[in-house]
Amino acid sequence: MKRALFIEHDHVTLSGPLWRAFRNRGYEVVRMPVVKEENFENPNVQVQWPDFSEYDVIVPMGSPWGVWEDERIGNWLLPELELVTAAHNAGQPIFGVCFGGQLMARALGGSVARAPRSEIGWHHVMTDFPEIISNGPWFQYHWDRFQVPPGATELARTPIASQAFVMGRTLGLQFHPEIDLEVLDCWLEMDGGPEEIEGEGLNVEILRQQTKAEEPGANQRAQALVDYFLDHIATSEIKPV
């Protein structure tokens, strides 16, 4: 059985629709925690990374920290950057989500910085390739944004941030295709979760209701995105580094 390594940078990372999408394609989902709950306030931990070559797909997920915060999380961020760069250069398929997409942008020569304002909730995107990234809506939860790496193809964007790019066998996303109500409620249980959302002028209960209503369509969009990734991006021709 093929294996997908989900790198979970914090203790509230669930990936329901994405887990199901990969499992529906016959993948075993292997979860790798980075910063455990007891280290959340002091996240600059040492991590024993696995051998990425033992997995068929690498899936770096989101994070409450920034890809640019070397001083705060450099003990594991800098080794992870090296590992995903090597994996990409070796032709290993990588599916990066939010922090994971920003991670891949930085690893491949792009940049990551604070956005002029946050994007939170369900948003449509402007897509150049609807067969890969539909216009959504997709769930957003970010204060940072990436600049697409040189040589990559931008797939979609909003007025605030680039939303997706592809480069070789790497797909980098800014939005969260893994969101359903269970995942959102897990995020809301994190200290400061509801206050953080309401501080951006949103109503938590309305956001929960929207997420419940969007679940059926969001699940289908997540499966379609994973299907395209596995059928086309993960099997694309490897170009010399």
C-alpha atoms as a PDB file:
ATOM      1  CA  MET A   1       0.000   0.000   0.000  1.00  0.00           C
ATOM      2  CA  LYS A   2       1.223   3.500  -0.816  1.00  0.00           C
ATOM      3  CA  ARG A   3       1.832   5.842   2.111  1.00  0.00           C
ATOM      4  CA  ALA A   4       1.192   9.571   2.528  1.00  0.00           C
ATOM      5  CA  LEU A   5       3.117  11.324   5.324  1.00  0.00           C
ATOM      6  CA  PHE A   6       1.015  14.100   6.863  1.00  0.00           C
ATOM      7  CA  ILE A   7       3.320  16.507   8.744  1.00  0.00           C
ATOM      8  CA  GLU A   8       1.182  18.019  11.521  1.00  0.00           C
ATOM      9  CA  HIS A   9       2.986  21.039  12.928  1.00  0.00           C
ATOM     10  CA  ASP A  10       0.646  21.565  15.904  1.00  0.00           C
ATOM     11  CA  HIS A  11      -1.594  19.480  18.153  1.00  0.00           C
ATOM     12  CA  VAL A  12      -4.927  20.575  16.630  1.00  0.00           C
ATOM     13  CA  THR A  13      -4.252  19.464  13.068  1.00  0.00           C
ATOM     14  CA  LEU A  14      -7.001  17.205  11.789  1.00  0.00           C
ATOM     15  CA  SER A  15      -7.393  16.635   8.057  1.00  0.00           C
ATOM     16  CA  GLY A  16     -10.685  14.772   7.721  1.00  0.00           C
ATOM     17  CA  PRO A  17     -11.562  15.408   4.049  1.00  0.00           C
ATOM     18  CA  LEU A  18      -7.920  15.173   2.950  1.00  0.00           C
ATOM     19  CA  TRP A  19      -7.319  11.997   4.913  1.00  0.00           C
ATOM     20  CA  ARG A  20     -10.429  10.487   3.332  1.00  0.00           C
ATOM     21  CA  ALA A  21      -9.427  11.655  -0.149  1.00  0.00           C
ATOM     22  CA  PHE A  22      -6.025   9.952   0.059  1.00  0.00           C
ATOM     23  CA  ARG A  23      -7.502   6.836   1.660  1.00  0.00           C
ATOM     24  CA  ASN A  24     -10.091   6.672  -1.108  1.00  0.00           C
ATOM     25  CA  ARG A  25      -7.142   6.442  -3.497  1.00  0.00           C
ATOM     26  CA  GLY A  26      -5.635   3.529  -1.586  1.00  0.00           C
ATOM     27  CA  TYR A  27      -3.095   5.429   0.531  1.00  0.00           C
ATOM     28  CA  GLU A  28      -2.208   4.711   4.122  1.00  0.00           C
ATOM     29  CA  VAL A  29      -2.198   8.002   6.033  1.00  0.00           C
ATOM     30  CA  VAL A  30       0.784   8.304   8.400  1.00  0.00           C
ATOM     31  CA  ARG A  31       0.618  11.224  10.850  1.00  0.00           C
ATOM     32  CA  MET A  32       3.800  12.922  12.036  1.00  0.00           C
ATOM     33  CA  PRO A  33       3.395  15.387  14.968  1.00  0.00           C
ATOM     34  CA  VAL A  34       5.931  18.212  15.278  1.00  0.00           C
ATOM     35  CA  VAL A  35       5.011  20.476  18.228  1.00  0.00           C
ATOM     36  CA  LYS A  36       2.970  18.552  20.789  1.00  0.00           C
ATOM     37  CA  GLU A  37       0.418  20.207  23.050  1.00  0.00           C
ATOM     38  CA  GLU A  38       2.738  20.359  26.066  1.00  0.00           C
ATOM     39  CA  ASN A  39       5.249  22.357  23.981  1.00  0.00           C
ATOM     40  CA  PHE A  40       2.770  24.736  22.380  1.00  0.00           C
ATOM     41  CA  GLU A  41       3.951  27.795  24.321  1.00  0.00           C
ATOM     42  CA  ASN A  42       7.602  26.915  23.645  1.00  0.00           C
ATOM     43  CA  PRO A  43       7.491  25.529  20.113  1.00  0.00           C
ATOM     44  CA  ASN A  44      11.196  25.611  19.236  1.00  0.00           C
ATOM     45  CA  VAL A  45      11.548  21.885  19.794  1.00  0.00           C
ATOM     46  CA  GLN A  46      14.001  19.356  18.422  1.00  0.00           C
ATOM     47  CA  VAL A  47      12.394  16.893  16.015  1.00  0.00           C
ATOM     48  CA  GLN A  48      13.480  13.451  14.870  1.00  0.00           C
ATOM     49  CA  TRP A  49      12.486  13.540  11.226  1.00  0.00           C
ATOM     50  CA  PRO A  50      11.683  10.319   9.364  1.00  0.00           C
ATOM     51  CA  ASP A  51      13.221   9.297   6.051  1.00  0.00           C
ATOM     52  CA  PHE A  52      10.968  11.034   3.536  1.00  0.00           C
ATOM     53  CA  SER A  53      12.025   8.612   0.803  1.00  0.00           C
ATOM     54  CA  GLU A  54      10.050   5.887   2.578  1.00  0.00           C
ATOM     55  CA  TYR A  55       6.790   7.653   1.671  1.00  0.00           C
ATOM     56  CA  ASP A  56       5.021   8.076  -1.645  1.00  0.00           C
ATOM     57  CA  VAL A  57       3.638  11.561  -0.934  1.00  0.00           C
ATOM     58  CA  ILE A  58       4.626  14.243   1.605  1.00  0.00           C
ATOM     59  CA  VAL A  59       1.804  16.453   2.929  1.00  0.00           C
ATOM     60  CA  PRO A  60       3.031  19.381   5.082  1.00  0.00           C
ATOM     61  CA  MET A  61       0.011  20.874   6.838  1.00  0.00           C
ATOM     62  CA  GLY A  62      -0.834  24.188   8.531  1.00  0.00           C
ATOM     63  CA  SER A  63       0.651  25.849  11.589  1.00  0.00           C
ATOM     64  CA  PRO A  64      -0.066  28.766  13.958  1.00  0.00           C
ATOM     65  CA  TRP A  65       3.537  29.902  13.423  1.00  0.00           C
ATOM     66  CA  GLY A  66       5.066  31.570  10.392  1.00  0.00           C
ATOM     67  CA  VAL A  67       7.408  30.089   7.802  1.00  0.00           C
ATOM     68  CA  TRP A  68       9.512  33.229   8.286  1.00  0.00           C
ATOM     69  CA  GLU A  69       9.910  32.769  12.088  1.00  0.00           C
ATOM     70  CA  ASP A  70      13.384  31.199  12.131  1.00  0.00           C
ATOM     71  CA  GLU A  71      14.180  32.442  15.637  1.00  0.00           C
ATOM     72  CA  ARG A  72      10.932  31.130  17.082  1.00  0.00           C
ATOM     73  CA  ILE A  73      10.776  27.670  15.461  1.00  0.00           C
ATOM     74  CA  GLY A  74      14.091  27.312  13.645  1.00  0.00           C
ATOM     75  CA  ASN A  75      15.093  24.102  15.443  1.00  0.00           C
ATOM     76  CA  TRP A  76      12.582  22.192  13.339  1.00  0.00           C
ATOM     77  CA  LEU A  77      11.674  24.677  10.585  1.00  0.00           C
ATOM     78  CA  LEU A  78      15.158  24.884   9.039  1.00  0.00           C
ATOM     79  CA  PRO A  79      15.669  21.088   8.902  1.00  0.00           C
ATOM     80  CA  GLU A  80      12.190  20.696   7.450  1.00  0.00           C
ATOM     81  CA  LEU A  81      13.000  23.226   4.727  1.00  0.00           C
ATOM     82  CA  GLU A  82      16.094  21.218   3.820  1.00  0.00           C
ATOM     83  CA  LEU A  83      14.154  17.956   3.802  1.00  0.00           C
ATOM     84  CA  VAL A  84      11.311  19.167   1.588  1.00  0.00           C
ATOM     85  CA  THR A  85      13.765  20.831  -0.790  1.00  0.00           C
ATOM     86  CA  ALA A  86      15.659  17.561  -1.157  1.00  0.00           C
ATOM     87  CA  ALA A  87      12.415  15.625  -1.570  1.00  0.00           C
ATOM     88  CA  HIS A  88      11.193  18.007  -4.285  1.00  0.00           C
ATOM     89  CA  ASN A  89      14.529  17.839  -6.101  1.00  0.00           C
ATOM     90  CA  ALA A  90      14.361  14.043  -5.980  1.00  0.00           C
ATOM     91  CA  GLY A  91      10.950  14.127  -7.661  1.00  0.00           C
ATOM     92  CA  GLN A  92       8.914  13.171  -4.624  1.00  0.00           C
ATOM     93  CA  PRO A  93       5.310  14.434  -4.800  1.00  0.00           C
ATOM     94  CA  ILE A  94       4.513  17.118  -2.190  1.00  0.00           C
ATOM     95  CA  PHE A  95       1.061  18.504  -1.354  1.00  0.00           C
ATOM     96  CA  GLY A  96       1.555  21.586   0.859  1.00  0.00           C
ATOM     97  CA  VAL A  97      -1.375  23.167   2.729  1.00  0.00           C
ATOM     98  CA  CYS A  98      -1.321  26.770   4.085  1.00  0.00           C
ATOM     99  CA  PHE A  99       1.888  26.796   6.193  1.00  0.00           C
ATOM    100  CA  GLY A 100       2.851  23.774   4.092  1.00  0.00           C
ATOM    101  CA  GLY A 101       2.275  25.736   0.883  1.00  0.00           C
ATOM    102  CA  GLN A 102       4.258  28.666   2.278  1.00  0.00           C
ATOM    103  CA  LEU A 103       6.983  26.216   3.316  1.00  0.00           C
ATOM    104  CA  MET A 104       7.279  24.957  -0.244  1.00  0.00           C
ATOM    105  CA  ALA A 105       7.258  28.489  -1.653  1.00  0.00           C
ATOM    106  CA  ARG A 106      10.211  29.417   0.550  1.00  0.00           C
ATOM    107  CA  ALA A 107      11.998  26.115  -0.088  1.00  0.00           C
ATOM    108  CA  LEU A 108      11.777  26.607  -3.852  1.00  0.00           C
ATOM    109  CA  GLY A 109      13.019  30.198  -3.951  1.00  0.00           C
ATOM    110  CA  GLY A 110       9.889  32.234  -3.227  1.00  0.00           C
ATOM    111  CA  SER A 111       9.255  34.249  -0.082  1.00  0.00           C
ATOM    112  CA  VAL A 112       6.784  34.452   2.794  1.00  0.00           C
ATOM    113  CA  ALA A 113       5.723  37.525   4.775  1.00  0.00           C
ATOM    114  CA  ARG A 114       2.774  39.020   6.619  1.00  0.00           C
ATOM    115  CA  ALA A 115      -0.191  39.839   4.386  1.00  0.00           C
ATOM    116  CA  PRO A 116      -1.752  43.322   4.479  1.00  0.00           C
ATOM    117  CA  ARG A 117      -4.726  41.749   6.261  1.00  0.00           C
ATOM    118  CA  SER A 118      -6.006  38.330   7.226  1.00  0.00           C
ATOM    119  CA  GLU A 119      -8.263  36.030   5.229  1.00  0.00           C
ATOM    120  CA  ILE A 120     -10.589  33.928   7.379  1.00  0.00           C
ATOM    121  CA  GLY A 121     -13.687  31.997   6.386  1.00  0.00           C
ATOM    122  CA  TRP A 122     -15.130  30.755   3.095  1.00  0.00           C
ATOM    123  CA  HIS A 123     -13.839  32.637   0.043  1.00  0.00           C
ATOM    124  CA  HIS A 124     -13.993  32.145  -3.702  1.00  0.00           C
ATOM    125  CA  VAL A 125     -10.704  32.332  -5.558  1.00  0.00           C
ATOM    126  CA  MET A 126      -9.794  33.583  -9.008  1.00  0.00           C
ATOM    127  CA  THR A 127      -8.504  30.521 -10.823  1.00  0.00           C
ATOM    128  CA  ASP A 128      -6.629  30.238 -14.105  1.00  0.00           C
ATOM    129  CA  PHE A 129      -6.932  26.439 -14.076  1.00  0.00           C
ATOM    130  CA  PRO A 130     -10.424  25.441 -12.890  1.00  0.00           C
ATOM    131  CA  GLU A 131      -9.707  21.820 -13.766  1.00  0.00           C
ATOM    132  CA  ILE A 132      -7.116  21.892 -10.953  1.00  0.00           C
ATOM    133  CA  ILE A 133      -8.366  24.556  -8.535  1.00  0.00           C
ATOM    134  CA  SER A 134     -12.080  25.290  -8.721  1.00  0.00           C
ATOM    135  CA  ASN A 135     -13.200  28.743  -7.662  1.00  0.00           C
ATOM    136  CA  GLY A 136     -14.473  27.193  -4.433  1.00  0.00           C
ATOM    137  CA  PRO A 137     -15.418  28.449  -2.017  1.00  0.00           C
ATOM    138  CA  TRP A 138     -12.364  27.318  -0.071  1.00  0.00           C
ATOM    139  CA  PHE A 139     -11.698  27.880   3.621  1.00  0.00           C
ATOM    140  CA  GLN A 140      -9.085  30.512   4.479  1.00  0.00           C
ATOM    141  CA  TYR A 141      -7.312  30.967   7.813  1.00  0.00           C
ATOM    142  CA  HIS A 142      -4.102  32.942   7.418  1.00  0.00           C
ATOM    143  CA  TRP A 143      -2.294  36.171   8.202  1.00  0.00           C
ATOM    144  CA  ASP A 144       0.762  35.458   6.014  1.00  0.00           C
ATOM    145  CA  ARG A 145       1.129  35.017   2.272  1.00  0.00           C
ATOM    146  CA  PHE A 146       3.690  33.587  -0.142  1.00  0.00           C
ATOM    147  CA  GLN A 147       5.285  34.890  -3.297  1.00  0.00           C
ATOM    148  CA  VAL A 148       5.282  32.202  -5.972  1.00  0.00           C
ATOM    149  CA  PRO A 149       8.761  30.709  -6.556  1.00  0.00           C
ATOM    150  CA  PRO A 150      10.584  31.617  -9.781  1.00  0.00           C
ATOM    151  CA  GLY A 151       9.713  29.079 -12.446  1.00  0.00           C
ATOM    152  CA  ALA A 152       6.509  27.950 -10.746  1.00  0.00           C
ATOM    153  CA  THR A 153       3.042  28.342 -12.270  1.00  0.00           C
ATOM    154  CA  GLU A 154       0.508  30.270 -10.206  1.00  0.00           C
ATOM    155  CA  LEU A 155      -2.866  28.545 -10.382  1.00  0.00           C
ATOM    156  CA  ALA A 156      -5.185  30.803  -8.369  1.00  0.00           C
ATOM    157  CA  ARG A 157      -5.283  33.940  -6.248  1.00  0.00           C
ATOM    158  CA  THR A 158      -7.444  36.338  -4.257  1.00  0.00           C
ATOM    159  CA  PRO A 159      -6.941  40.120  -3.969  1.00  0.00           C
ATOM    160  CA  ILE A 160      -4.987  39.410  -0.759  1.00  0.00           C
ATOM    161  CA  ALA A 161      -2.741  36.485  -1.642  1.00  0.00           C
ATOM    162  CA  SER A 162      -1.649  33.888  -4.135  1.00  0.00           C
ATOM    163  CA  GLN A 163      -3.695  30.766  -3.443  1.00  0.00           C
ATOM    164  CA  ALA A 164      -1.967  27.951  -5.303  1.00  0.00           C
ATOM    165  CA  PHE A 165       1.071  27.129  -7.397  1.00  0.00           C
ATOM    166  CA  VAL A 166       2.575  24.091  -9.032  1.00  0.00           C
ATOM    167  CA  MET A 167       6.243  23.413  -9.649  1.00  0.00           C
ATOM    168  CA  GLY A 168       7.331  19.992 -10.797  1.00  0.00           C
ATOM    169  CA  ARG A 169       5.644  17.457  -8.533  1.00  0.00           C
ATOM    170  CA  THR A 170       4.904  20.034  -5.815  1.00  0.00           C
ATOM    171  CA  LEU A 171       1.500  21.632  -5.275  1.00  0.00           C
ATOM    172  CA  GLY A 172       1.447  24.538  -2.815  1.00  0.00           C
ATOM    173  CA  LEU A 173      -1.875  25.812  -1.447  1.00  0.00           C
ATOM    174  CA  GLN A 174      -2.741  28.817   0.699  1.00  0.00           C
ATOM    175  CA  PHE A 175      -6.299  27.716   1.482  1.00  0.00           C
ATOM    176  CA  HIS A 176      -7.433  24.742   3.573  1.00  0.00           C
ATOM    177  CA  PRO A 177      -9.106  21.915   1.619  1.00  0.00           C
ATOM    178  CA  GLU A 178      -9.130  19.803   4.800  1.00  0.00           C
ATOM    179  CA  ILE A 179     -11.798  21.805   6.625  1.00  0.00           C
ATOM    180  CA  ASP A 180     -15.085  20.376   7.812  1.00  0.00           C
ATOM    181  CA  LEU A 181     -17.022  21.160  10.988  1.00  0.00           C
ATOM    182  CA  GLU A 182     -15.052  18.631  13.059  1.00  0.00           C
ATOM    183  CA  VAL A 183     -11.741  20.170  11.984  1.00  0.00           C
ATOM    184  CA  LEU A 184     -12.969  23.725  12.587  1.00  0.00           C
ATOM    185  CA  ASP A 185     -14.268  22.842  16.061  1.00  0.00           C
ATOM    186  CA  CYS A 186     -10.887  21.324  16.897  1.00  0.00           C
ATOM    187  CA  TRP A 187      -9.220  24.595  15.907  1.00  0.00           C
ATOM    188  CA  LEU A 188     -11.712  26.546  17.999  1.00  0.00           C
ATOM    189  CA  GLU A 189     -10.749  24.534  21.069  1.00  0.00           C
ATOM    190  CA  MET A 190      -7.227  25.947  20.869  1.00  0.00           C
ATOM    191  CA  ASP A 191      -6.506  28.784  23.283  1.00  0.00           C
ATOM    192  CA  GLY A 192      -7.513  32.056  21.674  1.00  0.00           C
ATOM    193  CA  GLY A 193      -9.260  30.382  18.729  1.00  0.00           C
ATOM    194  CA  PRO A 194     -12.729  31.996  19.035  1.00  0.00           C
ATOM    195  CA  GLU A 195     -11.296  35.324  20.212  1.00  0.00           C
ATOM    196  CA  GLU A 196      -8.906  35.368  17.259  1.00  0.00           C
ATOM    197  CA  ILE A 197     -11.756  34.882  14.787  1.00  0.00           C
ATOM    198  CA  GLU A 198     -14.076  37.370  16.445  1.00  0.00           C
ATOM    199  CA  GLY A 199     -11.210  39.862  16.594  1.00  0.00           C
ATOM    200  CA  GLU A 200     -11.299  39.831  12.795  1.00  0.00           C
ATOM    201  CA  GLY A 201     -14.978  40.848  12.835  1.00  0.00           C
ATOM    202  CA  LEU A 202     -16.441  37.368  12.295  1.00  0.00           C
ATOM    203  CA  ASN A 203     -19.109  35.541  14.281  1.00  0.00           C
ATOM    204  CA  VAL A 204     -17.924  32.094  15.345  1.00  0.00           C
ATOM    205  CA  GLU A 205     -21.366  30.489  15.343  1.00  0.00           C
ATOM    206  CA  ILE A 206     -22.180  31.837  11.880  1.00  0.00           C
ATOM    207  CA  LEU A 207     -18.810  30.502  10.652  1.00  0.00           C
ATOM    208  CA  ARG A 208     -19.685  27.084  12.100  1.00  0.00           C
ATOM    209  CA  GLN A 209     -23.072  27.140  10.362  1.00  0.00           C
ATOM    210  CA  GLN A 210     -21.458  28.124   7.057  1.00  0.00           C
ATOM    211  CA  THR A 211     -18.927  25.316   7.416  1.00  0.00           C
ATOM    212  CA  LYS A 212     -21.631  22.740   8.092  1.00  0.00           C
ATOM    213  CA  ALA A 213     -23.551  23.945   5.032  1.00  0.00           C
ATOM    214  CA  GLU A 214     -20.428  23.852   2.849  1.00  0.00           C
ATOM    215  CA  GLU A 215     -19.292  20.374   3.933  1.00  0.00           C
ATOM    216  CA  PRO A 216     -20.809  18.290   1.105  1.00  0.00           C
ATOM    217  CA  GLY A 217     -19.430  20.507  -1.650  1.00  0.00           C
ATOM    218  CA  ALA A 218     -16.110  21.041   0.145  1.00  0.00           C
ATOM    219  CA  ASN A 219     -15.622  17.273   0.494  1.00  0.00           C
ATOM    220  CA  GLN A 220     -16.170  16.838  -3.245  1.00  0.00           C
ATOM    221  CA  ARG A 221     -13.762  19.667  -4.068  1.00  0.00           C
ATOM    222  CA  ALA A 222     -11.094  18.198  -1.785  1.00  0.00           C
ATOM    223  CA  GLN A 223     -11.413  14.783  -3.442  1.00  0.00           C
ATOM    224  CA  ALA A 224     -11.257  16.305  -6.924  1.00  0.00           C
ATOM    225  CA  LEU A 225      -8.147  18.286  -5.987  1.00  0.00           C
ATOM    226  CA  VAL A 226      -6.390  15.215  -4.574  1.00  0.00           C
ATOM    227  CA  ASP A 227      -7.405  13.172  -7.617  1.00  0.00           C
ATOM    228  CA  TYR A 228      -5.907  15.743  -9.987  1.00  0.00           C
ATOM    229  CA  PHE A 229      -2.760  15.983  -7.883  1.00  0.00           C
ATOM    230  CA  LEU A 230      -2.224  12.219  -7.859  1.00  0.00           C
ATOM    231  CA  ASP A 231      -3.181  11.660 -11.496  1.00  0.00           C
ATOM    232  CA  HIS A 232      -1.282  14.567 -13.063  1.00  0.00           C
ATOM    233  CA  ILE A 233       1.059  16.518 -10.764  1.00  0.00           C
ATOM    234  CA  ALA A 234       2.488  13.593  -8.777  1.00  0.00           C
ATOM    235  CA  THR A 235       3.221  11.728 -11.996  1.00  0.00           C
ATOM    236  CA  SER A 236       4.547  14.637 -14.062  1.00  0.00           C
ATOM    237  CA  GLU A 237       7.906  14.461 -15.775  1.00  0.00           C
ATOM    238  CA  ILE A 238      10.864  15.179 -13.506  1.00  0.00           C
ATOM    239  CA  LYS A 239      12.997  17.990 -14.859  1.00  0.00           C
ATOM    240  CA  PRO A 240      16.749  18.087 -14.119  1.00  0.00           C
ATOM    241  CA  VAL A 241      17.658  20.180 -11.065  1.00  0.00           C
END
